[in-house]
Amino acid sequence: MKAEDLRAKTDAELEEELLNLRREQFNLRMQRATGQAPRPDQHGKVRRNIARLKTILTERGRQAARTATEAST
């Protein structure tokens, strides 16, 4: 998942993607706990994708707050 592709999505789509990634992270954690982890590298990839999504959402929130502050002055 590339940041360019994520930036093209709306906030609602990003929130949905974040929810899906968190579910996948939970499922991977459960697989690891039961000894069924098929791809050990997948857990790290999911964590990085979650961080990437949260970073983009935070950037958008800060930009919106900055725009609102500038508009009020």
PDB file of N, CA and C in Angstrom:
ATOM      1  N   MET A   1       0.840  -1.159   0.000  1.00  0.00           N
ATOM      2  CA  MET A   1       0.000   0.000   0.000  1.00  0.00           C
ATOM      3  C   MET A   1       0.897   1.237   0.000  1.00  0.00           C
ATOM      4  N   LYS A   2       0.736   2.085  -0.989  1.00  0.00           N
ATOM      5  CA  LYS A   2       1.566   3.269  -1.099  1.00  0.00           C
ATOM      6  C   LYS A   2       0.836   4.484  -0.557  1.00  0.00           C
ATOM      7  N   ALA A   3       1.607   5.427  -0.043  1.00  0.00           N
ATOM      8  CA  ALA A   3       1.029   6.644   0.515  1.00  0.00           C
ATOM      9  C   ALA A   3       0.304   7.448  -0.563  1.00  0.00           C
ATOM     10  N   GLU A   4       0.815   7.440  -1.774  1.00  0.00           N
ATOM     11  CA  GLU A   4       0.162   8.162  -2.877  1.00  0.00           C
ATOM     12  C   GLU A   4      -1.264   7.658  -3.090  1.00  0.00           C
ATOM     13  N   ASP A   5      -1.419   6.353  -3.081  1.00  0.00           N
ATOM     14  CA  ASP A   5      -2.740   5.758  -3.280  1.00  0.00           C
ATOM     15  C   ASP A   5      -3.679   6.111  -2.125  1.00  0.00           C
ATOM     16  N   LEU A   6      -3.135   6.128  -0.933  1.00  0.00           N
ATOM     17  CA  LEU A   6      -3.959   6.426   0.240  1.00  0.00           C
ATOM     18  C   LEU A   6      -4.395   7.883   0.253  1.00  0.00           C
ATOM     19  N   ARG A   7      -3.528   8.778  -0.182  1.00  0.00           N
ATOM     20  CA  ARG A   7      -3.864  10.202  -0.192  1.00  0.00           C
ATOM     21  C   ARG A   7      -4.990  10.510  -1.173  1.00  0.00           C
ATOM     22  N   ALA A   8      -5.180   9.659  -2.163  1.00  0.00           N
ATOM     23  CA  ALA A   8      -6.238   9.870  -3.146  1.00  0.00           C
ATOM     24  C   ALA A   8      -7.607   9.472  -2.604  1.00  0.00           C
ATOM     25  N   LYS A   9      -7.637   8.731  -1.492  1.00  0.00           N
ATOM     26  CA  LYS A   9      -8.900   8.262  -0.925  1.00  0.00           C
ATOM     27  C   LYS A   9      -9.501   9.306   0.003  1.00  0.00           C
ATOM     28  N   THR A  10     -10.802   9.185   0.237  1.00  0.00           N
ATOM     29  CA  THR A  10     -11.488  10.083   1.160  1.00  0.00           C
ATOM     30  C   THR A  10     -11.229   9.631   2.595  1.00  0.00           C
ATOM     31  N   ASP A  11     -11.598  10.497   3.543  1.00  0.00           N
ATOM     32  CA  ASP A  11     -11.410  10.155   4.954  1.00  0.00           C
ATOM     33  C   ASP A  11     -12.224   8.926   5.342  1.00  0.00           C
ATOM     34  N   ALA A  12     -13.436   8.813   4.810  1.00  0.00           N
ATOM     35  CA  ALA A  12     -14.286   7.667   5.139  1.00  0.00           C
ATOM     36  C   ALA A  12     -13.654   6.365   4.621  1.00  0.00           C
ATOM     37  N   GLU A  13     -13.092   6.412   3.443  1.00  0.00           N
ATOM     38  CA  GLU A  13     -12.436   5.221   2.884  1.00  0.00           C
ATOM     39  C   GLU A  13     -11.205   4.852   3.707  1.00  0.00           C
ATOM     40  N   LEU A  14     -10.477   5.866   4.171  1.00  0.00           N
ATOM     41  CA  LEU A  14      -9.302   5.594   4.994  1.00  0.00           C
ATOM     42  C   LEU A  14      -9.695   4.989   6.342  1.00  0.00           C
ATOM     43  N   GLU A  15     -10.764   5.488   6.927  1.00  0.00           N
ATOM     44  CA  GLU A  15     -11.242   4.932   8.195  1.00  0.00           C
ATOM     45  C   GLU A  15     -11.655   3.471   8.021  1.00  0.00           C
ATOM     46  N   GLU A  16     -12.314   3.169   6.918  1.00  0.00           N
ATOM     47  CA  GLU A  16     -12.728   1.791   6.642  1.00  0.00           C
ATOM     48  C   GLU A  16     -11.513   0.895   6.439  1.00  0.00           C
ATOM     49  N   GLU A  17     -10.525   1.399   5.727  1.00  0.00           N
ATOM     50  CA  GLU A  17      -9.295   0.637   5.496  1.00  0.00           C
ATOM     51  C   GLU A  17      -8.567   0.396   6.821  1.00  0.00           C
ATOM     52  N   LEU A  18      -8.559   1.399   7.684  1.00  0.00           N
ATOM     53  CA  LEU A  18      -7.922   1.254   8.991  1.00  0.00           C
ATOM     54  C   LEU A  18      -8.615   0.178   9.818  1.00  0.00           C
ATOM     55  N   LEU A  19      -9.934   0.173   9.777  1.00  0.00           N
ATOM     56  CA  LEU A  19     -10.693  -0.849  10.501  1.00  0.00           C
ATOM     57  C   LEU A  19     -10.363  -2.249   9.971  1.00  0.00           C
ATOM     58  N   ASN A  20     -10.279  -2.384   8.658  1.00  0.00           N
ATOM     59  CA  ASN A  20      -9.934  -3.683   8.067  1.00  0.00           C
ATOM     60  C   ASN A  20      -8.535  -4.126   8.466  1.00  0.00           C
ATOM     61  N   LEU A  21      -7.586  -3.193   8.488  1.00  0.00           N
ATOM     62  CA  LEU A  21      -6.222  -3.539   8.865  1.00  0.00           C
ATOM     63  C   LEU A  21      -6.135  -3.936  10.338  1.00  0.00           C
ATOM     64  N   ARG A  22      -6.905  -3.276  11.178  1.00  0.00           N
ATOM     65  CA  ARG A  22      -6.894  -3.644  12.593  1.00  0.00           C
ATOM     66  C   ARG A  22      -7.497  -5.028  12.809  1.00  0.00           C
ATOM     67  N   ARG A  23      -8.526  -5.357  12.036  1.00  0.00           N
ATOM     68  CA  ARG A  23      -9.082  -6.719  12.106  1.00  0.00           C
ATOM     69  C   ARG A  23      -8.049  -7.745  11.656  1.00  0.00           C
ATOM     70  N   GLU A  24      -7.350  -7.420  10.567  1.00  0.00           N
ATOM     71  CA  GLU A  24      -6.322  -8.332  10.071  1.00  0.00           C
ATOM     72  C   GLU A  24      -5.213  -8.494  11.108  1.00  0.00           C
ATOM     73  N   GLN A  25      -4.840  -7.405  11.763  1.00  0.00           N
ATOM     74  CA  GLN A  25      -3.813  -7.467  12.790  1.00  0.00           C
ATOM     75  C   GLN A  25      -4.264  -8.373  13.944  1.00  0.00           C
ATOM     76  N   PHE A  26      -5.516  -8.246  14.331  1.00  0.00           N
ATOM     77  CA  PHE A  26      -6.045  -9.105  15.394  1.00  0.00           C
ATOM     78  C   PHE A  26      -6.007 -10.569  14.972  1.00  0.00           C
ATOM     79  N   ASN A  27      -6.439 -10.842  13.736  1.00  0.00           N
ATOM     80  CA  ASN A  27      -6.431 -12.227  13.257  1.00  0.00           C
ATOM     81  C   ASN A  27      -5.020 -12.792  13.210  1.00  0.00           C
ATOM     82  N   LEU A  28      -4.057 -11.994  12.792  1.00  0.00           N
ATOM     83  CA  LEU A  28      -2.668 -12.456  12.767  1.00  0.00           C
ATOM     84  C   LEU A  28      -2.154 -12.726  14.180  1.00  0.00           C
ATOM     85  N   ARG A  29      -2.553 -11.885  15.119  1.00  0.00           N
ATOM     86  CA  ARG A  29      -2.145 -12.082  16.507  1.00  0.00           C
ATOM     87  C   ARG A  29      -2.719 -13.382  17.054  1.00  0.00           C
ATOM     88  N   MET A  30      -3.967 -13.672  16.716  1.00  0.00           N
ATOM     89  CA  MET A  30      -4.592 -14.914  17.179  1.00  0.00           C
ATOM     90  C   MET A  30      -3.929 -16.132  16.524  1.00  0.00           C
ATOM     91  N   GLN A  31      -3.593 -16.011  15.246  1.00  0.00           N
ATOM     92  CA  GLN A  31      -2.905 -17.113  14.568  1.00  0.00           C
ATOM     93  C   GLN A  31      -1.555 -17.366  15.201  1.00  0.00           C
ATOM     94  N   ARG A  32      -0.859 -16.287  15.543  1.00  0.00           N
ATOM     95  CA  ARG A  32       0.457 -16.440  16.162  1.00  0.00           C
ATOM     96  C   ARG A  32       0.319 -17.117  17.521  1.00  0.00           C
ATOM     97  N   ALA A  33      -0.707 -16.761  18.265  1.00  0.00           N
ATOM     98  CA  ALA A  33      -0.900 -17.325  19.607  1.00  0.00           C
ATOM     99  C   ALA A  33      -1.213 -18.816  19.551  1.00  0.00           C
ATOM    100  N   THR A  34      -1.888 -19.243  18.489  1.00  0.00           N
ATOM    101  CA  THR A  34      -2.230 -20.655  18.372  1.00  0.00           C
ATOM    102  C   THR A  34      -1.191 -21.442  17.579  1.00  0.00           C
ATOM    103  N   GLY A  35      -0.131 -20.774  17.164  1.00  0.00           N
ATOM    104  CA  GLY A  35       0.945 -21.455  16.452  1.00  0.00           C
ATOM    105  C   GLY A  35       0.649 -21.697  14.986  1.00  0.00           C
ATOM    106  N   GLN A  36      -0.241 -20.929  14.386  1.00  0.00           N
ATOM    107  CA  GLN A  36      -0.620 -21.132  12.986  1.00  0.00           C
ATOM    108  C   GLN A  36      -0.082 -20.046  12.059  1.00  0.00           C
ATOM    109  N   ALA A  37       0.840 -19.226  12.516  1.00  0.00           N
ATOM    110  CA  ALA A  37       1.307 -18.090  11.721  1.00  0.00           C
ATOM    111  C   ALA A  37       1.952 -18.561  10.420  1.00  0.00           C
ATOM    112  N   PRO A  38       1.273 -18.391   9.273  1.00  0.00           N
ATOM    113  CA  PRO A  38       1.810 -18.862   8.007  1.00  0.00           C
ATOM    114  C   PRO A  38       2.900 -17.945   7.450  1.00  0.00           C
ATOM    115  N   ARG A  39       2.756 -16.627   7.666  1.00  0.00           N
ATOM    116  CA  ARG A  39       3.727 -15.669   7.138  1.00  0.00           C
ATOM    117  C   ARG A  39       4.144 -14.727   8.260  1.00  0.00           C
ATOM    118  N   PRO A  40       5.297 -14.955   8.843  1.00  0.00           N
ATOM    119  CA  PRO A  40       5.708 -14.132   9.976  1.00  0.00           C
ATOM    120  C   PRO A  40       5.962 -12.671   9.606  1.00  0.00           C
ATOM    121  N   ASP A  41       6.280 -12.376   8.375  1.00  0.00           N
ATOM    122  CA  ASP A  41       6.553 -10.997   7.971  1.00  0.00           C
ATOM    123  C   ASP A  41       5.277 -10.176   7.795  1.00  0.00           C
ATOM    124  N   GLN A  42       4.146 -10.830   7.697  1.00  0.00           N
ATOM    125  CA  GLN A  42       2.886 -10.135   7.443  1.00  0.00           C
ATOM    126  C   GLN A  42       2.502  -9.219   8.603  1.00  0.00           C
ATOM    127  N   HIS A  43       2.828  -9.605   9.815  1.00  0.00           N
ATOM    128  CA  HIS A  43       2.472  -8.802  10.983  1.00  0.00           C
ATOM    129  C   HIS A  43       3.145  -7.426  10.917  1.00  0.00           C
ATOM    130  N   GLY A  44       4.391  -7.387  10.528  1.00  0.00           N
ATOM    131  CA  GLY A  44       5.106  -6.121  10.407  1.00  0.00           C
ATOM    132  C   GLY A  44       4.550  -5.248   9.300  1.00  0.00           C
ATOM    133  N   LYS A  45       4.161  -5.867   8.205  1.00  0.00           N
ATOM    134  CA  LYS A  45       3.591  -5.107   7.085  1.00  0.00           C
ATOM    135  C   LYS A  45       2.272  -4.463   7.478  1.00  0.00           C
ATOM    136  N   VAL A  46       1.451  -5.197   8.204  1.00  0.00           N
ATOM    137  CA  VAL A  46       0.164  -4.666   8.636  1.00  0.00           C
ATOM    138  C   VAL A  46       0.384  -3.503   9.598  1.00  0.00           C
ATOM    139  N   ARG A  47       1.336  -3.645  10.520  1.00  0.00           N
ATOM    140  CA  ARG A  47       1.629  -2.562  11.460  1.00  0.00           C
ATOM    141  C   ARG A  47       2.081  -1.301  10.737  1.00  0.00           C
ATOM    142  N   ARG A  48       2.935  -1.450   9.741  1.00  0.00           N
ATOM    143  CA  ARG A  48       3.406  -0.289   8.982  1.00  0.00           C
ATOM    144  C   ARG A  48       2.281   0.360   8.198  1.00  0.00           C
ATOM    145  N   ASN A  49       1.392  -0.446   7.634  1.00  0.00           N
ATOM    146  CA  ASN A  49       0.252   0.108   6.896  1.00  0.00           C
ATOM    147  C   ASN A  49      -0.696   0.865   7.824  1.00  0.00           C
ATOM    148  N   ILE A  50      -0.901   0.349   9.040  1.00  0.00           N
ATOM    149  CA  ILE A  50      -1.731   1.047  10.014  1.00  0.00           C
ATOM    150  C   ILE A  50      -1.093   2.396  10.358  1.00  0.00           C
ATOM    151  N   ALA A  51       0.204   2.403  10.591  1.00  0.00           N
ATOM    152  CA  ALA A  51       0.905   3.645  10.909  1.00  0.00           C
ATOM    153  C   ALA A  51       0.814   4.631   9.751  1.00  0.00           C
ATOM    154  N   ARG A  52       0.933   4.138   8.543  1.00  0.00           N
ATOM    155  CA  ARG A  52       0.851   4.997   7.354  1.00  0.00           C
ATOM    156  C   ARG A  52      -0.533   5.646   7.256  1.00  0.00           C
ATOM    157  N   LEU A  53      -1.573   4.867   7.477  1.00  0.00           N
ATOM    158  CA  LEU A  53      -2.939   5.393   7.436  1.00  0.00           C
ATOM    159  C   LEU A  53      -3.169   6.435   8.531  1.00  0.00           C
ATOM    160  N   LYS A  54      -2.727   6.127   9.737  1.00  0.00           N
ATOM    161  CA  LYS A  54      -2.928   7.055  10.839  1.00  0.00           C
ATOM    162  C   LYS A  54      -2.161   8.358  10.609  1.00  0.00           C
ATOM    163  N   THR A  55      -1.000   8.281  10.006  1.00  0.00           N
ATOM    164  CA  THR A  55      -0.223   9.476   9.704  1.00  0.00           C
ATOM    165  C   THR A  55      -0.967  10.364   8.719  1.00  0.00           C
ATOM    166  N   ILE A  56      -1.516   9.780   7.678  1.00  0.00           N
ATOM    167  CA  ILE A  56      -2.247  10.552   6.673  1.00  0.00           C
ATOM    168  C   ILE A  56      -3.491  11.179   7.282  1.00  0.00           C
ATOM    169  N   LEU A  57      -4.215  10.434   8.117  1.00  0.00           N
ATOM    170  CA  LEU A  57      -5.399  10.987   8.768  1.00  0.00           C
ATOM    171  C   LEU A  57      -5.032  12.139   9.705  1.00  0.00           C
ATOM    172  N   THR A  58      -3.928  12.010  10.416  1.00  0.00           N
ATOM    173  CA  THR A  58      -3.475  13.079  11.305  1.00  0.00           C
ATOM    174  C   THR A  58      -3.077  14.318  10.515  1.00  0.00           C
ATOM    175  N   GLU A  59      -2.365  14.118   9.405  1.00  0.00           N
ATOM    176  CA  GLU A  59      -1.983  15.249   8.566  1.00  0.00           C
ATOM    177  C   GLU A  59      -3.216  16.001   8.066  1.00  0.00           C
ATOM    178  N   ARG A  60      -4.217  15.262   7.649  1.00  0.00           N
ATOM    179  CA  ARG A  60      -5.442  15.897   7.159  1.00  0.00           C
ATOM    180  C   ARG A  60      -6.154  16.651   8.264  1.00  0.00           C
ATOM    181  N   GLY A  61      -6.173  16.091   9.458  1.00  0.00           N
ATOM    182  CA  GLY A  61      -6.799  16.766  10.588  1.00  0.00           C
ATOM    183  C   GLY A  61      -6.088  18.060  10.938  1.00  0.00           C
ATOM    184  N   ARG A  62      -4.772  18.027  10.936  1.00  0.00           N
ATOM    185  CA  ARG A  62      -4.006  19.236  11.235  1.00  0.00           C
ATOM    186  C   ARG A  62      -4.198  20.287  10.155  1.00  0.00           C
ATOM    187  N   GLN A  63      -4.252  19.858   8.914  1.00  0.00           N
ATOM    188  CA  GLN A  63      -4.453  20.794   7.811  1.00  0.00           C
ATOM    189  C   GLN A  63      -5.836  21.441   7.909  1.00  0.00           C
ATOM    190  N   ALA A  64      -6.836  20.661   8.255  1.00  0.00           N
ATOM    191  CA  ALA A  64      -8.188  21.198   8.397  1.00  0.00           C
ATOM    192  C   ALA A  64      -8.244  22.193   9.557  1.00  0.00           C
ATOM    193  N   ALA A  65      -7.560  21.890  10.665  1.00  0.00           N
ATOM    194  CA  ALA A  65      -7.551  22.801  11.794  1.00  0.00           C
ATOM    195  C   ALA A  65      -6.826  24.088  11.435  1.00  0.00           C
ATOM    196  N   ARG A  66      -5.743  23.964  10.707  1.00  0.00           N
ATOM    197  CA  ARG A  66      -4.976  25.146  10.291  1.00  0.00           C
ATOM    198  C   ARG A  66      -5.805  26.022   9.358  1.00  0.00           C
ATOM    199  N   THR A  67      -6.523  25.385   8.436  1.00  0.00           N
ATOM    200  CA  THR A  67      -7.375  26.123   7.506  1.00  0.00           C
ATOM    201  C   THR A  67      -8.505  26.827   8.242  1.00  0.00           C
ATOM    202  N   ALA A  68      -9.088  26.170   9.224  1.00  0.00           N
ATOM    203  CA  ALA A  68     -10.164  26.779  10.014  1.00  0.00           C
ATOM    204  C   ALA A  68      -9.648  27.964  10.817  1.00  0.00           C
ATOM    205  N   THR A  69      -8.445  27.845  11.364  1.00  0.00           N
ATOM    206  CA  THR A  69      -7.847  28.929  12.136  1.00  0.00           C
ATOM    207  C   THR A  69      -7.559  30.127  11.239  1.00  0.00           C
ATOM    208  N   GLU A  70      -7.034  29.878  10.065  1.00  0.00           N
ATOM    209  CA  GLU A  70      -6.729  30.966   9.126  1.00  0.00           C
ATOM    210  C   GLU A  70      -7.997  31.639   8.631  1.00  0.00           C
ATOM    211  N   ALA A  71      -9.053  30.878   8.455  1.00  0.00           N
ATOM    212  CA  ALA A  71     -10.309  31.447   7.970  1.00  0.00           C
ATOM    213  C   ALA A  71     -10.964  32.329   9.020  1.00  0.00           C
ATOM    214  N   SER A  72     -10.768  32.012  10.296  1.00  0.00           N
ATOM    215  CA  SER A  72     -11.396  32.786  11.366  1.00  0.00           C
ATOM    216  C   SER A  72     -10.658  34.086  11.662  1.00  0.00           C
ATOM    217  N   THR A  73      -9.417  34.195  11.225  1.00  0.00           N
ATOM    218  CA  THR A  73      -8.662  35.434  11.495  1.00  0.00           C
ATOM    219  C   THR A  73      -8.759  36.434  10.394  1.00  0.00           C
TER     220      THR A  73
END
